[in-house]
Amino acid sequence: MRYSEDLPHEELSKYASDDMLIFTALISIFVSFALLYMGIKGKQMWMIPWAIGLFILSIVMGYAIYFEADYLGY
């Protein structure tokens, strides 16, 4: 059974609150520090850009949700 693709925006975020998304951003920041540490310690160079990217995107997402920034115009 396929899901309907014409769901309204209200139903897409029915079960996710802003607090849950900010908590996810905070967890992602801690995960990015762990990735950075493991990447440096284990000499895995691919982990370092992933960690930096995750950190930056988590900060942007947390800022956008907390301050209700409207980047996409929805």
N, C-alpha and C. Protein backbone atom coordinates (compact mmCIF):
# COMPACT_ATOMS: atom_id res chain seq x y z
N MET A 1 0.84 -1.18 0.00
CA MET A 1 0.00 0.00 0.00
C MET A 1 0.89 1.24 0.00
N ARG A 2 0.63 2.13 -0.92
CA ARG A 2 1.42 3.36 -1.02
C ARG A 2 0.80 4.45 -0.17
N TYR A 3 1.67 5.30 0.31
CA TYR A 3 1.19 6.46 1.05
C TYR A 3 0.75 7.53 0.08
N SER A 4 -0.20 8.30 0.48
CA SER A 4 -0.66 9.39 -0.37
C SER A 4 0.40 10.49 -0.37
N GLU A 5 0.68 11.05 -1.52
CA GLU A 5 1.74 12.06 -1.65
C GLU A 5 1.23 13.48 -1.54
N ASP A 6 -0.04 13.65 -1.38
CA ASP A 6 -0.59 15.00 -1.30
C ASP A 6 -1.06 15.32 0.12
N LEU A 7 -0.17 15.11 1.08
CA LEU A 7 -0.49 15.42 2.47
C LEU A 7 -0.31 16.91 2.71
N PRO A 8 -1.20 17.51 3.48
CA PRO A 8 -1.01 18.93 3.84
C PRO A 8 0.17 19.09 4.81
N HIS A 9 0.71 20.29 4.86
CA HIS A 9 1.87 20.56 5.71
C HIS A 9 1.56 20.32 7.18
N GLU A 10 0.33 20.52 7.61
CA GLU A 10 -0.02 20.34 9.01
C GLU A 10 0.14 18.88 9.44
N GLU A 11 -0.16 17.95 8.56
CA GLU A 11 -0.06 16.55 8.91
C GLU A 11 1.37 16.04 8.89
N LEU A 12 2.25 16.70 8.16
CA LEU A 12 3.64 16.26 8.12
C LEU A 12 4.34 16.46 9.46
N SER A 13 3.97 17.49 10.18
CA SER A 13 4.62 17.77 11.46
C SER A 13 3.67 17.59 12.63
N LYS A 14 2.70 16.71 12.47
CA LYS A 14 1.70 16.51 13.51
C LYS A 14 2.31 15.94 14.79
N TYR A 15 3.29 15.07 14.67
CA TYR A 15 3.85 14.40 15.84
C TYR A 15 5.18 14.97 16.30
N ALA A 16 5.69 15.98 15.62
CA ALA A 16 6.98 16.57 15.99
C ALA A 16 6.76 17.98 16.52
N SER A 17 7.21 18.21 17.75
CA SER A 17 7.11 19.56 18.31
C SER A 17 8.45 20.27 18.15
N ASP A 18 8.45 21.56 18.38
CA ASP A 18 9.70 22.33 18.29
C ASP A 18 10.70 21.89 19.36
N ASP A 19 10.19 21.53 20.54
CA ASP A 19 11.09 21.07 21.60
C ASP A 19 11.82 19.79 21.21
N MET A 20 11.12 18.88 20.55
CA MET A 20 11.76 17.64 20.11
C MET A 20 12.84 17.92 19.07
N LEU A 21 12.59 18.86 18.17
CA LEU A 21 13.57 19.18 17.14
C LEU A 21 14.79 19.90 17.71
N ILE A 22 14.58 20.76 18.70
CA ILE A 22 15.71 21.42 19.35
C ILE A 22 16.53 20.39 20.12
N PHE A 23 15.87 19.44 20.78
CA PHE A 23 16.58 18.37 21.47
C PHE A 23 17.41 17.54 20.48
N THR A 24 16.84 17.29 19.30
CA THR A 24 17.57 16.56 18.26
C THR A 24 18.80 17.34 17.81
N ALA A 25 18.67 18.66 17.70
CA ALA A 25 19.81 19.49 17.31
C ALA A 25 20.90 19.43 18.39
N LEU A 26 20.51 19.44 19.66
CA LEU A 26 21.50 19.36 20.74
C LEU A 26 22.22 18.01 20.75
N ILE A 27 21.47 16.94 20.54
CA ILE A 27 22.10 15.62 20.47
C ILE A 27 23.06 15.57 19.29
N SER A 28 22.68 16.17 18.16
CA SER A 28 23.53 16.18 16.98
C SER A 28 24.83 16.93 17.22
N ILE A 29 24.78 17.97 18.04
CA ILE A 29 26.00 18.71 18.37
C ILE A 29 26.95 17.81 19.16
N PHE A 30 26.42 17.06 20.14
CA PHE A 30 27.27 16.13 20.90
C PHE A 30 27.82 15.02 20.01
N VAL A 31 27.00 14.53 19.10
CA VAL A 31 27.47 13.49 18.17
C VAL A 31 28.57 14.04 17.27
N SER A 32 28.44 15.30 16.86
CA SER A 32 29.48 15.88 15.99
C SER A 32 30.81 15.98 16.73
N PHE A 33 30.78 16.31 18.04
CA PHE A 33 32.03 16.35 18.81
C PHE A 33 32.62 14.95 18.93
N ALA A 34 31.77 13.95 19.13
CA ALA A 34 32.27 12.57 19.22
C ALA A 34 32.88 12.14 17.88
N LEU A 35 32.23 12.48 16.78
CA LEU A 35 32.78 12.14 15.46
C LEU A 35 34.11 12.85 15.23
N LEU A 36 34.19 14.09 15.64
CA LEU A 36 35.43 14.85 15.46
C LEU A 36 36.56 14.22 16.27
N TYR A 37 36.27 13.86 17.52
CA TYR A 37 37.29 13.24 18.36
C TYR A 37 37.74 11.90 17.77
N MET A 38 36.77 11.07 17.39
CA MET A 38 37.13 9.76 16.83
C MET A 38 37.85 9.89 15.49
N GLY A 39 37.47 10.90 14.70
CA GLY A 39 38.14 11.11 13.43
C GLY A 39 39.59 11.53 13.60
N ILE A 40 39.84 12.40 14.58
CA ILE A 40 41.21 12.85 14.82
C ILE A 40 42.03 11.73 15.47
N LYS A 41 41.44 11.09 16.48
CA LYS A 41 42.16 10.04 17.21
C LYS A 41 42.42 8.81 16.33
N GLY A 42 41.45 8.43 15.51
CA GLY A 42 41.61 7.24 14.68
C GLY A 42 42.17 7.52 13.31
N LYS A 43 42.53 8.78 13.04
CA LYS A 43 43.08 9.18 11.75
C LYS A 43 42.16 8.82 10.58
N GLN A 44 40.87 9.02 10.81
CA GLN A 44 39.86 8.82 9.76
C GLN A 44 39.46 10.19 9.24
N MET A 45 40.04 10.61 8.15
CA MET A 45 39.87 11.98 7.68
C MET A 45 38.45 12.28 7.19
N TRP A 46 37.70 11.28 6.77
CA TRP A 46 36.35 11.53 6.27
C TRP A 46 35.41 11.91 7.41
N MET A 47 35.73 11.53 8.65
CA MET A 47 34.86 11.85 9.78
C MET A 47 34.93 13.33 10.16
N ILE A 48 36.04 13.96 9.88
CA ILE A 48 36.23 15.34 10.30
C ILE A 48 35.30 16.29 9.54
N PRO A 49 35.22 16.23 8.19
CA PRO A 49 34.26 17.11 7.51
C PRO A 49 32.81 16.77 7.85
N TRP A 50 32.52 15.49 8.06
CA TRP A 50 31.15 15.11 8.46
C TRP A 50 30.81 15.73 9.81
N ALA A 51 31.75 15.70 10.74
CA ALA A 51 31.51 16.26 12.06
C ALA A 51 31.31 17.77 11.98
N ILE A 52 32.13 18.44 11.20
CA ILE A 52 32.01 19.89 11.06
C ILE A 52 30.69 20.25 10.38
N GLY A 53 30.33 19.51 9.34
CA GLY A 53 29.05 19.75 8.66
C GLY A 53 27.86 19.50 9.56
N LEU A 54 27.91 18.42 10.34
CA LEU A 54 26.82 18.12 11.27
C LEU A 54 26.70 19.21 12.32
N PHE A 55 27.83 19.70 12.82
CA PHE A 55 27.81 20.77 13.81
C PHE A 55 27.18 22.04 13.25
N ILE A 56 27.61 22.44 12.06
CA ILE A 56 27.09 23.66 11.44
C ILE A 56 25.59 23.55 11.17
N LEU A 57 25.17 22.42 10.59
CA LEU A 57 23.76 22.25 10.27
C LEU A 57 22.90 22.14 11.53
N SER A 58 23.43 21.57 12.59
CA SER A 58 22.68 21.48 13.84
C SER A 58 22.49 22.86 14.46
N ILE A 59 23.52 23.68 14.39
CA ILE A 59 23.41 25.05 14.90
C ILE A 59 22.39 25.83 14.09
N VAL A 60 22.44 25.71 12.77
CA VAL A 60 21.49 26.42 11.90
C VAL A 60 20.06 25.95 12.16
N MET A 61 19.86 24.63 12.29
CA MET A 61 18.52 24.12 12.54
C MET A 61 18.00 24.56 13.90
N GLY A 62 18.84 24.47 14.93
CA GLY A 62 18.43 24.91 16.25
C GLY A 62 18.10 26.39 16.29
N TYR A 63 18.91 27.20 15.61
CA TYR A 63 18.65 28.64 15.54
C TYR A 63 17.34 28.93 14.82
N ALA A 64 17.12 28.24 13.70
CA ALA A 64 15.92 28.48 12.91
C ALA A 64 14.67 28.10 13.68
N ILE A 65 14.72 27.04 14.45
CA ILE A 65 13.55 26.62 15.21
C ILE A 65 13.35 27.50 16.43
N TYR A 66 14.42 27.77 17.16
CA TYR A 66 14.30 28.54 18.40
C TYR A 66 13.86 29.98 18.14
N PHE A 67 14.42 30.60 17.11
CA PHE A 67 14.09 31.99 16.82
C PHE A 67 13.03 32.12 15.73
N GLU A 68 12.45 31.00 15.32
CA GLU A 68 11.39 30.95 14.32
C GLU A 68 11.78 31.65 13.02
N ALA A 69 13.00 31.42 12.59
CA ALA A 69 13.47 31.98 11.32
C ALA A 69 12.78 31.22 10.19
N ASP A 70 12.43 31.93 9.15
CA ASP A 70 11.69 31.34 8.05
C ASP A 70 12.55 31.41 6.79
N TYR A 71 13.43 30.40 6.62
CA TYR A 71 14.35 30.41 5.50
C TYR A 71 13.69 30.00 4.19
N LEU A 72 12.73 29.09 4.27
CA LEU A 72 12.16 28.53 3.05
C LEU A 72 10.86 29.20 2.61
N GLY A 73 10.30 30.04 3.46
CA GLY A 73 9.10 30.77 3.08
C GLY A 73 7.80 30.01 3.24
N TYR A 74 7.77 28.97 4.08
CA TYR A 74 6.53 28.24 4.32
C TYR A 74 5.66 28.95 5.32
